[in-house]
């Protein structure tokens, strides 16, 4: 990085989390460290004077960095910020929709790669330093995202467990913490790690009183003496906080995505100084696309072109929520060309072997551009991060032998090593206990029963304010004609309704720029 001169560092600001403070991170970068060598998941902004007394600003993006951050650079102007509205306003540029981003959000629920909703503003890339001095931008990206997928190196579950424990201790030792607890794996293993260390964090669960998440978490909290907070959301929560959510996510996830967990977290009332654990990127340590052992083990023998067919099938699967509604009714896509599945294929094939390709796409596209928006929302309330995002853990996950990913084997190993009793409670309604204990068989049976009453999606589709937005908002004429919007809503196609309502709020933000 000889072309970068950090000279005298005058200020630092960090977005996200690292066990090191911003000043220490900046000094390590100035001394020649690369972003993927730094612990945590964050964006670091550094300003200062070079040795030649020239002003500079540097944006340093950690190894994965799921928190959204945006860059605009034209000629000698370098603008950066946490959302596209802030960047567009500072840059004083006209709004230009990025149709590729719109199509990806509709098809997948998230943008791809470095796309944002504005065609001239890009999402900051992972493991990258953006250094602007006197209007000249230098970008240095290290190869961590692809180098970690080394097929010649395989880690055992014990290797990876040791790394996990080291990272966990470094992140959360002697800090006040809180935890969202569901009936799934990721939050359960974090709780096991806390309990092993003698820590009993307050836990919270969103859902109706008879939901499997609430019932399971309630039993765990009662047996371990944990403070447990529960909350059930209403459709009015979504309407009341739409503006804040759209701002924090840049409108790049629809109403049906991370809005609910954030709204729960906003109201559950954990201590404001507590660090919140999220299971973000936990799927990287599981069999992402198929838990059938024979297929998972033989997948890497498939020729690379079959990866394209995988994404074709994936996109067909993602179209199911549209219930056959003709997507050519979207006005904004009529001039668009190219296939989303082709784009997914091109992004995934940057690494060798089918299983690695799917894992790479999962973390460096889906997690960064979808799940990361949830962390951006959580961080509005409590500082939030995940050990699964630390570069040491990401490297271990990329190299974890496949047999330990099947049936969530690595997660089970953490549970059995840290707090075996937690394996007695069904995981997403399934008994995973090695002893096959039937103590909580009633929870397994409950998980198989259909939920009573209308779910939150049905309630949102029936909300009068959202109906009026979908049917009558002039902002939405760009996306779809009014009769088609109304027909989609009346048919109960929540995916279209969700997308349109979200784009209304985005358009309102744009109009106010």
Protein backbone atom coordinates (compact mmCIF):
# COMPACT_ATOMS: atom_id res chain seq x y z
CA UNK A 1 0.00 0.00 0.00
CA UNK A 2 2.87 2.36 -0.78
CA UNK A 3 0.52 4.66 -2.70
CA UNK A 4 -1.39 5.36 0.53
CA UNK A 5 0.10 7.82 3.02
CA UNK A 6 -1.72 8.05 6.36
CA UNK A 7 0.71 10.65 7.73
CA UNK A 8 -1.01 12.29 10.71
CA UNK A 9 -4.35 10.72 11.68
CA UNK A 10 -6.66 13.47 12.92
CA UNK A 11 -10.00 11.71 13.42
CA UNK A 12 -11.55 8.25 13.30
CA UNK A 13 -15.13 7.02 13.30
CA UNK A 14 -16.33 3.42 13.33
CA UNK A 15 -19.66 1.96 12.22
CA UNK A 16 -20.20 -1.60 13.37
CA UNK A 17 -18.19 -3.60 15.87
CA UNK A 18 -14.60 -4.56 16.60
CA UNK A 19 -12.98 -5.61 19.88
CA UNK A 20 -10.37 -2.94 19.06
CA UNK A 21 -11.22 0.74 19.19
CA UNK A 22 -11.23 2.95 16.11
CA UNK A 23 -7.87 4.54 16.87
CA UNK A 24 -6.11 1.17 17.21
CA UNK A 25 -7.66 -0.06 13.96
CA UNK A 26 -6.51 3.07 12.14
CA UNK A 27 -2.97 2.69 13.46
CA UNK A 28 -2.83 -0.92 12.28
CA UNK A 29 -3.94 0.10 8.78
CA UNK A 30 -1.41 2.94 8.77
CA UNK A 31 1.29 0.43 9.73
CA UNK A 32 0.44 -1.75 6.72
CA UNK A 33 -2.25 -4.17 7.92
CA UNK A 34 -4.90 -5.11 5.38
CA UNK A 35 -8.63 -4.99 6.25
CA UNK A 36 -9.06 -8.77 6.48
CA UNK A 37 -6.43 -8.91 9.23
CA UNK A 38 -8.56 -6.75 11.53
CA UNK A 39 -11.04 -8.35 13.96
CA UNK A 40 -14.71 -7.51 13.77
CA UNK A 41 -17.19 -6.39 11.15
CA UNK A 42 -17.19 -2.65 10.53
CA UNK A 43 -16.55 0.43 8.42
CA UNK A 44 -13.80 2.73 9.65
CA UNK A 45 -13.58 6.34 8.43
CA UNK A 46 -10.19 8.02 8.91
CA UNK A 47 -9.31 11.64 8.16
CA UNK A 48 -5.91 13.28 8.39
CA UNK A 49 -2.92 14.92 6.72
CA UNK A 50 -0.34 13.14 4.59
CA UNK A 51 3.38 13.64 5.27
CA UNK A 52 3.21 16.29 2.53
CA UNK A 53 0.44 18.16 4.42
CA UNK A 54 -2.32 17.11 2.01
CA UNK A 55 -5.79 16.35 3.38
CA UNK A 56 -7.15 12.84 2.91
CA UNK A 57 -10.12 10.70 3.90
CA UNK A 58 -10.05 6.91 3.98
CA UNK A 59 -12.96 4.49 4.21
CA UNK A 60 -11.76 1.09 5.42
CA UNK A 61 -14.14 -1.84 4.96
CA UNK A 62 -13.60 -4.99 7.00
CA UNK A 63 -13.32 -8.53 5.64
CA UNK A 64 -17.06 -9.13 5.16
CA UNK A 65 -18.75 -5.96 6.44
CA UNK A 66 -22.45 -6.66 6.31
CA UNK A 67 -23.35 -3.15 7.46
CA UNK A 68 -24.30 -1.08 4.40
CA UNK A 69 -22.06 1.82 3.41
CA UNK A 70 -22.13 3.72 0.14
CA UNK A 71 -19.62 5.43 -2.12
CA UNK A 72 -19.98 8.04 -4.86
CA UNK A 73 -16.96 9.18 -6.85
CA UNK A 74 -17.09 11.34 -9.95
CA UNK A 75 -14.10 13.37 -11.12
CA UNK A 76 -12.64 14.89 -7.93
CA UNK A 77 -15.70 14.36 -5.72
CA UNK A 78 -15.67 11.56 -3.13
CA UNK A 79 -18.89 11.22 -1.13
CA UNK A 80 -19.60 8.44 1.36
CA UNK A 81 -22.27 7.64 3.92
CA UNK A 82 -24.44 5.05 5.63
CA UNK A 83 -27.38 5.25 3.21
CA UNK A 84 -27.98 6.20 -0.41
CA UNK A 85 -30.20 9.15 0.46
CA UNK A 86 -27.43 10.78 2.49
CA UNK A 87 -24.90 10.21 -0.29
CA UNK A 88 -27.23 11.41 -3.08
CA UNK A 89 -28.05 14.54 -1.07
CA UNK A 90 -24.39 15.38 -0.37
CA UNK A 91 -23.44 14.69 -3.99
CA UNK A 92 -26.35 16.85 -5.25
CA UNK A 93 -27.11 14.45 -8.08
CA UNK A 94 -30.39 13.68 -9.79
CA UNK A 95 -32.00 10.38 -8.94
CA UNK A 96 -31.41 7.58 -11.44
CA UNK A 97 -32.97 4.23 -10.62
CA UNK A 98 -30.70 1.21 -10.93
CA UNK A 99 -32.95 -1.27 -12.72
CA UNK A 100 -30.62 -4.19 -12.05
CA UNK A 101 -30.98 -3.51 -8.32
CA UNK A 102 -34.77 -3.25 -8.58
CA UNK A 103 -35.02 -6.51 -10.48
CA UNK A 104 -32.77 -8.29 -7.99
CA UNK A 105 -34.81 -7.04 -5.03
CA UNK A 106 -37.99 -8.27 -6.68
CA UNK A 107 -36.48 -11.63 -7.66
CA UNK A 108 -34.30 -12.33 -4.61
CA UNK A 109 -35.27 -9.85 -1.91
CA UNK A 110 -31.87 -8.13 -2.00
CA UNK A 111 -29.39 -6.37 -4.29
CA UNK A 112 -26.42 -8.16 -5.80
CA UNK A 113 -22.73 -7.42 -5.42
CA UNK A 114 -22.12 -3.66 -4.98
CA UNK A 115 -25.41 -2.45 -6.49
CA UNK A 116 -27.56 0.15 -4.80
CA UNK A 117 -30.90 1.60 -5.86
CA UNK A 118 -29.06 4.54 -7.48
CA UNK A 119 -27.13 3.67 -10.62
CA UNK A 120 -24.22 6.02 -9.75
CA UNK A 121 -23.85 5.10 -6.07
CA UNK A 122 -22.20 1.80 -5.15
CA UNK A 123 -22.15 -0.30 -2.02
CA UNK A 124 -18.68 -0.33 -0.47
CA UNK A 125 -16.85 -3.57 -1.28
CA UNK A 126 -15.62 -5.91 1.47
CA UNK A 127 -11.93 -6.08 2.46
CA UNK A 128 -11.26 -2.74 0.77
CA UNK A 129 -9.61 0.62 1.48
CA UNK A 130 -10.98 3.69 -0.32
CA UNK A 131 -8.38 6.44 0.04
CA UNK A 132 -9.10 9.90 -1.37
CA UNK A 133 -6.39 12.54 -1.28
CA UNK A 134 -6.88 15.92 -2.95
CA UNK A 135 -9.71 14.50 -5.06
CA UNK A 136 -7.79 11.46 -6.31
CA UNK A 137 -9.31 8.14 -5.25
CA UNK A 138 -7.14 5.06 -4.71
CA UNK A 139 -8.89 1.75 -4.07
CA UNK A 140 -7.04 -1.22 -2.60
CA UNK A 141 -8.91 -4.51 -2.22
CA UNK A 142 -7.38 -7.61 -0.69
CA UNK A 143 -8.31 -11.06 -1.94
CA UNK A 144 -9.70 -12.46 1.31
CA UNK A 145 -13.24 -13.16 0.01
CA UNK A 146 -11.99 -15.61 -2.61
CA UNK A 147 -8.69 -16.80 -1.09
CA UNK A 148 -10.36 -18.35 1.93
CA UNK A 149 -11.94 -21.02 -0.27
CA UNK A 150 -8.84 -23.19 -0.51
CA UNK A 151 -9.94 -26.73 -1.43
CA UNK A 152 -6.58 -28.12 -0.27
CA UNK A 153 -7.23 -27.05 3.34
CA UNK A 154 -9.90 -28.66 5.53
CA UNK A 155 -10.63 -27.78 9.16
CA UNK A 156 -12.13 -30.24 11.61
CA UNK A 157 -14.97 -29.37 13.93
CA UNK A 158 -12.47 -29.20 16.80
CA UNK A 159 -10.23 -26.75 14.90
CA UNK A 160 -13.20 -24.54 14.16
CA UNK A 161 -14.60 -24.81 17.67
CA UNK A 162 -11.31 -23.54 19.11
CA UNK A 163 -11.38 -20.55 16.76
CA UNK A 164 -15.02 -19.90 17.67
CA UNK A 165 -14.26 -19.93 21.40
CA UNK A 166 -11.27 -17.62 20.96
CA UNK A 167 -13.32 -15.14 18.95
CA UNK A 168 -16.27 -15.36 21.34
CA UNK A 169 -14.06 -14.62 24.36
CA UNK A 170 -12.38 -11.72 22.62
CA UNK A 171 -15.64 -10.14 21.53
CA UNK A 172 -17.80 -10.38 24.63
CA UNK A 173 -15.68 -10.99 27.74
CA UNK A 174 -16.60 -8.64 30.62
CA UNK A 175 -19.14 -6.71 28.55
CA UNK A 176 -22.84 -6.34 29.22
CA UNK A 177 -24.72 -8.40 26.63
CA UNK A 178 -28.22 -9.27 25.46
CA UNK A 179 -29.55 -11.97 23.17
CA UNK A 180 -32.52 -12.54 20.89
CA UNK A 181 -33.59 -16.14 21.52
CA UNK A 182 -35.67 -18.19 19.10
CA UNK A 183 -36.17 -21.91 18.57
CA UNK A 184 -33.30 -21.99 16.05
CA UNK A 185 -29.64 -22.94 16.16
CA UNK A 186 -27.68 -19.68 16.07
CA UNK A 187 -29.13 -18.01 19.14
CA UNK A 188 -29.05 -21.35 21.00
CA UNK A 189 -25.31 -21.82 20.50
CA UNK A 190 -24.63 -18.25 21.66
CA UNK A 191 -26.66 -18.89 24.80
CA UNK A 192 -24.72 -22.12 25.38
CA UNK A 193 -21.44 -20.19 25.10
CA UNK A 194 -22.64 -17.59 27.58
CA UNK A 195 -23.87 -20.16 30.07
CA UNK A 196 -20.57 -22.06 29.86
CA UNK A 197 -18.84 -18.80 30.87
CA UNK A 198 -21.19 -18.19 33.78
CA UNK A 199 -23.07 -15.38 32.01
CA UNK A 200 -26.87 -15.21 32.05
CA UNK A 201 -27.88 -12.58 29.49
CA UNK A 202 -31.38 -11.12 29.28
CA UNK A 203 -33.13 -12.74 26.31
CA UNK A 204 -36.03 -11.64 24.16
CA UNK A 205 -38.39 -13.42 21.76
CA UNK A 206 -40.88 -12.06 19.24
CA UNK A 207 -44.09 -13.90 18.47
CA UNK A 208 -47.57 -14.78 19.64
CA UNK A 209 -47.80 -16.50 23.04
CA UNK A 210 -48.42 -19.88 21.37
CA UNK A 211 -45.68 -19.59 18.72
CA UNK A 212 -42.94 -22.23 18.79
CA UNK A 213 -40.25 -19.57 19.26
CA UNK A 214 -41.94 -18.09 22.34
CA UNK A 215 -42.85 -21.47 23.84
CA UNK A 216 -39.35 -22.90 23.40
CA UNK A 217 -37.55 -19.78 24.63
CA UNK A 218 -39.91 -19.56 27.63
CA UNK A 219 -39.03 -23.09 28.71
CA UNK A 220 -35.30 -22.42 28.32
CA UNK A 221 -35.49 -19.13 30.22
CA UNK A 222 -37.49 -20.73 33.06
CA UNK A 223 -35.10 -23.67 33.45
CA UNK A 224 -31.94 -21.54 33.39
CA UNK A 225 -33.24 -18.60 35.37
CA UNK A 226 -32.96 -16.07 32.55
CA UNK A 227 -34.76 -12.75 32.32
CA UNK A 228 -37.08 -13.29 29.35
CA UNK A 229 -38.93 -10.57 27.46
CA UNK A 230 -41.58 -11.38 24.86
CA UNK A 231 -43.39 -9.16 22.41
CA UNK A 232 -45.95 -9.62 19.63
CA UNK A 233 -45.88 -7.10 16.79
CA UNK A 234 -48.90 -5.49 15.18
CA UNK A 235 -49.26 -4.23 11.62
CA UNK A 236 -49.36 -0.62 12.86
CA UNK A 237 -45.76 -1.01 14.09
CA UNK A 238 -44.66 -1.42 10.46
CA UNK A 239 -46.44 1.73 9.31
CA UNK A 240 -45.32 3.88 12.24
CA UNK A 241 -41.61 3.20 11.78
CA UNK A 242 -41.40 2.88 7.99
CA UNK A 243 -39.38 6.07 7.47
CA UNK A 244 -36.60 5.08 9.89
CA UNK A 245 -36.43 1.59 8.43
CA UNK A 246 -36.23 2.79 4.83
CA UNK A 247 -33.47 5.25 5.75
CA UNK A 248 -31.33 2.69 7.59
CA UNK A 249 -31.69 0.03 4.86
CA UNK A 250 -31.65 2.44 1.88
CA UNK A 251 -34.94 0.80 0.92
CA UNK A 252 -33.09 -2.25 -0.36
CA UNK A 253 -35.09 -4.88 1.54
CA UNK A 254 -38.89 -5.03 1.19
CA UNK A 255 -41.51 -4.85 3.90
CA UNK A 256 -41.44 -8.61 4.38
CA UNK A 257 -37.76 -8.82 5.31
CA UNK A 258 -35.90 -7.56 8.39
CA UNK A 259 -38.52 -5.03 9.45
CA UNK A 260 -40.13 -7.34 12.01
CA UNK A 261 -37.02 -8.30 14.02
CA UNK A 262 -36.01 -4.64 14.20
CA UNK A 263 -39.46 -3.53 15.39
CA UNK A 264 -39.35 -6.21 18.07
CA UNK A 265 -35.87 -5.15 19.12
CA UNK A 266 -36.91 -1.51 19.27
CA UNK A 267 -39.66 -2.29 21.77
CA UNK A 268 -38.17 -5.10 23.84
CA UNK A 269 -36.07 -2.64 25.86
CA UNK A 270 -32.69 -4.27 26.45
CA UNK A 271 -30.13 -2.13 28.35
CA UNK A 272 -28.88 0.52 25.93
CA UNK A 273 -25.20 -0.17 26.61
CA UNK A 274 -25.50 -3.94 26.10
CA UNK A 275 -23.93 -5.59 23.06
CA UNK A 276 -26.51 -7.61 21.17
CA UNK A 277 -25.59 -10.94 19.60
CA UNK A 278 -27.11 -11.84 16.24
CA UNK A 279 -26.60 -15.13 14.44
CA UNK A 280 -25.75 -13.40 11.16
CA UNK A 281 -23.78 -15.68 8.82
CA UNK A 282 -24.46 -18.76 10.94
CA UNK A 283 -25.67 -20.44 7.74
CA UNK A 284 -22.10 -20.37 6.45
CA UNK A 285 -21.38 -23.21 8.89
CA UNK A 286 -24.30 -25.35 7.67
CA UNK A 287 -25.20 -27.18 4.47
CA UNK A 288 -26.69 -24.15 2.75
CA UNK A 289 -28.56 -25.63 -0.18
CA UNK A 290 -29.13 -29.33 0.55
CA UNK A 291 -28.91 -31.41 3.70
CA UNK A 292 -29.02 -34.65 1.72
CA UNK A 293 -25.65 -36.16 2.46
CA UNK A 294 -25.04 -37.95 -0.83
CA UNK A 295 -25.79 -34.86 -2.90
CA UNK A 296 -23.81 -32.56 -0.61
CA UNK A 297 -20.77 -34.82 -0.76
CA UNK A 298 -20.91 -35.32 -4.53
CA UNK A 299 -21.82 -31.76 -5.51
CA UNK A 300 -18.20 -30.73 -6.07
CA UNK A 301 -17.90 -33.33 -8.82
CA UNK A 302 -20.45 -31.40 -10.89
CA UNK A 303 -19.07 -29.33 -13.78
CA UNK A 304 -19.18 -25.57 -13.21
CA UNK A 305 -21.85 -24.93 -15.92
CA UNK A 306 -24.34 -26.85 -13.77
CA UNK A 307 -24.02 -24.06 -11.23
CA UNK A 308 -25.94 -21.95 -13.73
CA UNK A 309 -28.76 -24.49 -13.70
CA UNK A 310 -28.74 -24.37 -9.92
CA UNK A 311 -29.38 -20.62 -10.00
CA UNK A 312 -32.05 -21.06 -12.67
CA UNK A 313 -33.82 -23.44 -10.30
CA UNK A 314 -33.22 -21.08 -7.39
CA UNK A 315 -34.87 -18.22 -9.25
CA UNK A 316 -37.86 -20.43 -10.12
CA UNK A 317 -38.16 -21.27 -6.44
CA UNK A 318 -38.02 -17.57 -5.54
CA UNK A 319 -40.90 -16.85 -7.97
CA UNK A 320 -43.34 -19.00 -6.02
CA UNK A 321 -44.66 -16.14 -3.84
CA UNK A 322 -45.83 -14.31 -6.99
CA UNK A 323 -48.44 -17.03 -7.64
CA UNK A 324 -48.12 -16.77 -11.42
CA UNK A 325 -48.74 -13.03 -11.55
CA UNK A 326 -47.16 -11.77 -14.82
CA UNK A 327 -44.05 -9.90 -13.75
CA UNK A 328 -43.91 -8.09 -17.08
CA UNK A 329 -46.59 -5.88 -15.51
CA UNK A 330 -43.76 -4.00 -13.81
CA UNK A 331 -43.28 -0.88 -15.95
CA UNK A 332 -39.80 -0.22 -14.60
CA UNK A 333 -38.40 -3.47 -16.05
CA UNK A 334 -39.62 -3.22 -19.62
CA UNK A 335 -36.30 -1.81 -20.87
CA UNK A 336 -34.17 -4.15 -18.77
CA UNK A 337 -32.10 -6.99 -20.21
CA UNK A 338 -30.11 -9.89 -18.84
CA UNK A 339 -30.96 -12.65 -16.42
CA UNK A 340 -30.71 -12.46 -12.63
CA UNK A 341 -29.70 -16.12 -12.56
CA UNK A 342 -26.85 -15.40 -15.01
CA UNK A 343 -25.66 -12.62 -12.73
CA UNK A 344 -25.78 -14.92 -9.69
CA UNK A 345 -23.80 -17.50 -11.63
CA UNK A 346 -21.12 -15.00 -12.66
CA UNK A 347 -20.73 -13.81 -9.08
CA UNK A 348 -20.60 -17.30 -7.56
CA UNK A 349 -18.08 -18.83 -9.97
CA UNK A 350 -15.29 -16.57 -8.66
CA UNK A 351 -14.29 -19.51 -6.45
CA UNK A 352 -13.80 -23.20 -7.34
CA UNK A 353 -16.14 -26.12 -6.53
CA UNK A 354 -19.90 -26.09 -6.30
CA UNK A 355 -20.26 -26.11 -2.50
CA UNK A 356 -17.74 -23.27 -2.15
CA UNK A 357 -19.49 -21.30 -4.88
CA UNK A 358 -22.83 -21.52 -3.14
CA UNK A 359 -21.25 -20.65 0.23
CA UNK A 360 -19.44 -17.68 -1.31
CA UNK A 361 -22.66 -16.40 -2.84
CA UNK A 362 -24.45 -16.89 0.48
CA UNK A 363 -22.06 -14.78 2.56
CA UNK A 364 -20.76 -12.19 0.12
CA UNK A 365 -24.09 -11.53 -1.58
CA UNK A 366 -27.10 -12.71 0.41
CA UNK A 367 -25.76 -12.06 3.92
CA UNK A 368 -24.11 -8.78 2.98
CA UNK A 369 -27.07 -7.41 1.04
CA UNK A 370 -30.00 -8.92 2.93
CA UNK A 371 -29.18 -10.02 6.47
CA UNK A 372 -26.78 -7.13 6.88
CA UNK A 373 -29.67 -4.70 6.54
CA UNK A 374 -31.11 -6.31 9.66
CA UNK A 375 -27.89 -5.55 11.53
CA UNK A 376 -28.05 -1.95 10.31
CA UNK A 377 -31.50 -1.76 11.90
CA UNK A 378 -30.44 -3.46 15.13
CA UNK A 379 -27.56 -1.00 15.44
CA UNK A 380 -30.04 1.86 15.64
CA UNK A 381 -30.92 0.46 19.08
CA UNK A 382 -28.01 -1.61 20.44
CA UNK A 383 -24.53 -2.24 19.11
CA UNK A 384 -24.92 -5.56 17.32
CA UNK A 385 -22.51 -8.02 15.78
CA UNK A 386 -21.88 -11.73 15.32
CA UNK A 387 -18.80 -13.93 15.90
CA UNK A 388 -19.72 -15.65 12.64
CA UNK A 389 -18.71 -12.44 10.78
CA UNK A 390 -15.21 -12.15 12.20
CA UNK A 391 -12.61 -12.88 9.48
CA UNK A 392 -11.09 -15.69 11.55
CA UNK A 393 -14.45 -17.41 11.75
CA UNK A 394 -15.29 -16.74 8.09
CA UNK A 395 -12.00 -18.32 7.02
CA UNK A 396 -12.73 -21.32 9.28
CA UNK A 397 -16.27 -21.64 7.90
CA UNK A 398 -14.98 -21.64 4.33
CA UNK A 399 -12.59 -24.46 5.18
CA UNK A 400 -14.75 -26.46 7.58
CA UNK A 401 -14.94 -30.03 6.29
CA UNK A 402 -18.31 -30.67 4.70
CA UNK A 403 -19.28 -33.52 6.99
CA UNK A 404 -19.44 -31.09 9.91
CA UNK A 405 -21.86 -28.81 8.08
CA UNK A 406 -24.43 -31.55 7.46
CA UNK A 407 -27.37 -31.54 9.88
CA UNK A 408 -25.90 -28.44 11.53
CA UNK A 409 -23.18 -30.66 12.98
CA UNK A 410 -20.87 -27.81 13.95
CA UNK A 411 -23.65 -25.99 15.80
CA UNK A 412 -24.56 -29.21 17.59
CA UNK A 413 -20.93 -29.65 18.63
CA UNK A 414 -20.89 -26.20 20.23
CA UNK A 415 -24.04 -27.07 22.16
CA UNK A 416 -22.76 -30.43 23.35
CA UNK A 417 -19.40 -28.99 24.37
CA UNK A 418 -20.75 -25.89 26.07
CA UNK A 419 -24.14 -26.76 27.57
CA UNK A 420 -25.50 -30.22 26.64
CA UNK A 421 -28.78 -29.58 28.46
CA UNK A 422 -29.72 -27.02 25.78
CA UNK A 423 -29.84 -29.84 23.22
CA UNK A 424 -32.83 -31.31 25.11
CA UNK A 425 -35.13 -28.57 23.81
CA UNK A 426 -36.31 -29.18 20.22
CA UNK A 427 -34.56 -27.14 17.55
CA UNK A 428 -37.14 -25.62 15.21
CA UNK A 429 -39.49 -28.33 16.45
CA UNK A 430 -37.06 -31.24 15.94
CA UNK A 431 -35.45 -33.39 18.63
CA UNK A 432 -31.66 -33.13 18.36
CA UNK A 433 -30.79 -34.55 21.77
CA UNK A 434 -28.24 -37.42 21.61
CA UNK A 435 -30.24 -39.12 24.36
CA UNK A 436 -33.46 -38.68 22.32
CA UNK A 437 -35.10 -37.32 25.46
CA UNK A 438 -38.87 -37.01 25.15
CA UNK A 439 -39.21 -34.43 27.93
CA UNK A 440 -40.15 -31.72 25.43
CA UNK A 441 -42.02 -33.86 22.91
CA UNK A 442 -44.97 -31.52 23.34
CA UNK A 443 -42.90 -28.75 21.74
CA UNK A 444 -42.20 -30.98 18.73
CA UNK A 445 -45.92 -31.64 18.38
CA UNK A 446 -46.72 -27.94 18.77
CA UNK A 447 -44.29 -27.02 15.99
CA UNK A 448 -46.21 -29.25 13.57
CA UNK A 449 -49.54 -27.58 14.26
CA UNK A 450 -50.69 -24.71 12.04
CA UNK A 451 -50.65 -21.25 13.58
CA UNK A 452 -54.02 -19.99 14.73
CA UNK A 453 -55.39 -16.68 13.51
CA UNK A 454 -54.11 -14.36 10.76
CA UNK A 455 -50.36 -13.91 10.48
CA UNK A 456 -48.62 -10.56 10.22
CA UNK A 457 -48.58 -10.66 6.41
CA UNK A 458 -52.33 -11.06 6.27
CA UNK A 459 -52.72 -8.18 8.71
CA UNK A 460 -50.46 -5.95 6.62
CA UNK A 461 -52.46 -6.76 3.48
CA UNK A 462 -55.58 -5.66 5.34
CA UNK A 463 -54.13 -2.42 6.71
CA UNK A 464 -56.11 0.54 5.32
CA UNK A 465 -53.11 2.90 5.13
CA UNK A 466 -50.97 0.38 3.26
CA UNK A 467 -53.85 -0.51 0.92
CA UNK A 468 -54.20 3.19 0.04
CA UNK A 469 -50.47 3.43 -0.63
CA UNK A 470 -50.46 0.36 -2.88
CA UNK A 471 -53.53 1.39 -4.85
CA UNK A 472 -53.20 5.17 -5.04
CA UNK A 473 -49.63 6.35 -4.52
CA UNK A 474 -48.53 8.31 -7.61
CA UNK A 475 -44.93 7.31 -6.85
CA UNK A 476 -45.79 3.73 -7.73
CA UNK A 477 -46.93 4.50 -11.27
CA UNK A 478 -43.28 4.20 -12.27
CA UNK A 479 -43.29 0.60 -11.10
CA UNK A 480 -46.73 -0.72 -12.03
CA UNK A 481 -50.05 0.57 -13.36
CA UNK A 482 -52.70 1.17 -10.72
CA UNK A 483 -55.18 -1.51 -11.88
CA UNK A 484 -52.40 -4.12 -11.82
CA UNK A 485 -51.31 -3.04 -8.33
CA UNK A 486 -54.84 -3.34 -7.07
CA UNK A 487 -55.29 -6.75 -8.71
CA UNK A 488 -52.08 -8.08 -7.14
CA UNK A 489 -53.18 -6.84 -3.73
CA UNK A 490 -56.69 -8.28 -4.05
CA UNK A 491 -55.16 -11.63 -5.01
CA UNK A 492 -53.17 -11.48 -1.78
CA UNK A 493 -49.76 -11.55 -3.50
CA UNK A 494 -47.79 -10.25 -0.56
CA UNK A 495 -44.42 -10.25 -2.39
CA UNK A 496 -45.68 -7.63 -4.87
CA UNK A 497 -47.54 -5.68 -2.19
CA UNK A 498 -44.41 -5.65 0.00
CA UNK A 499 -42.16 -4.48 -2.83
CA UNK A 500 -44.54 -1.71 -3.91
CA UNK A 501 -45.16 -0.33 -0.42
CA UNK A 502 -41.40 -0.26 0.23
CA UNK A 503 -40.77 1.57 -3.05
CA UNK A 504 -43.41 4.15 -2.10
CA UNK A 505 -41.48 5.01 1.04
CA UNK A 506 -38.21 5.08 -0.93
CA UNK A 507 -39.77 7.42 -3.48
CA UNK A 508 -40.96 9.74 -0.73
CA UNK A 509 -37.39 9.96 0.57
CA UNK A 510 -36.14 10.72 -2.94
CA UNK A 511 -38.74 13.44 -3.45
CA UNK A 512 -37.54 15.12 -0.26
CA UNK A 513 -33.86 15.25 -1.33
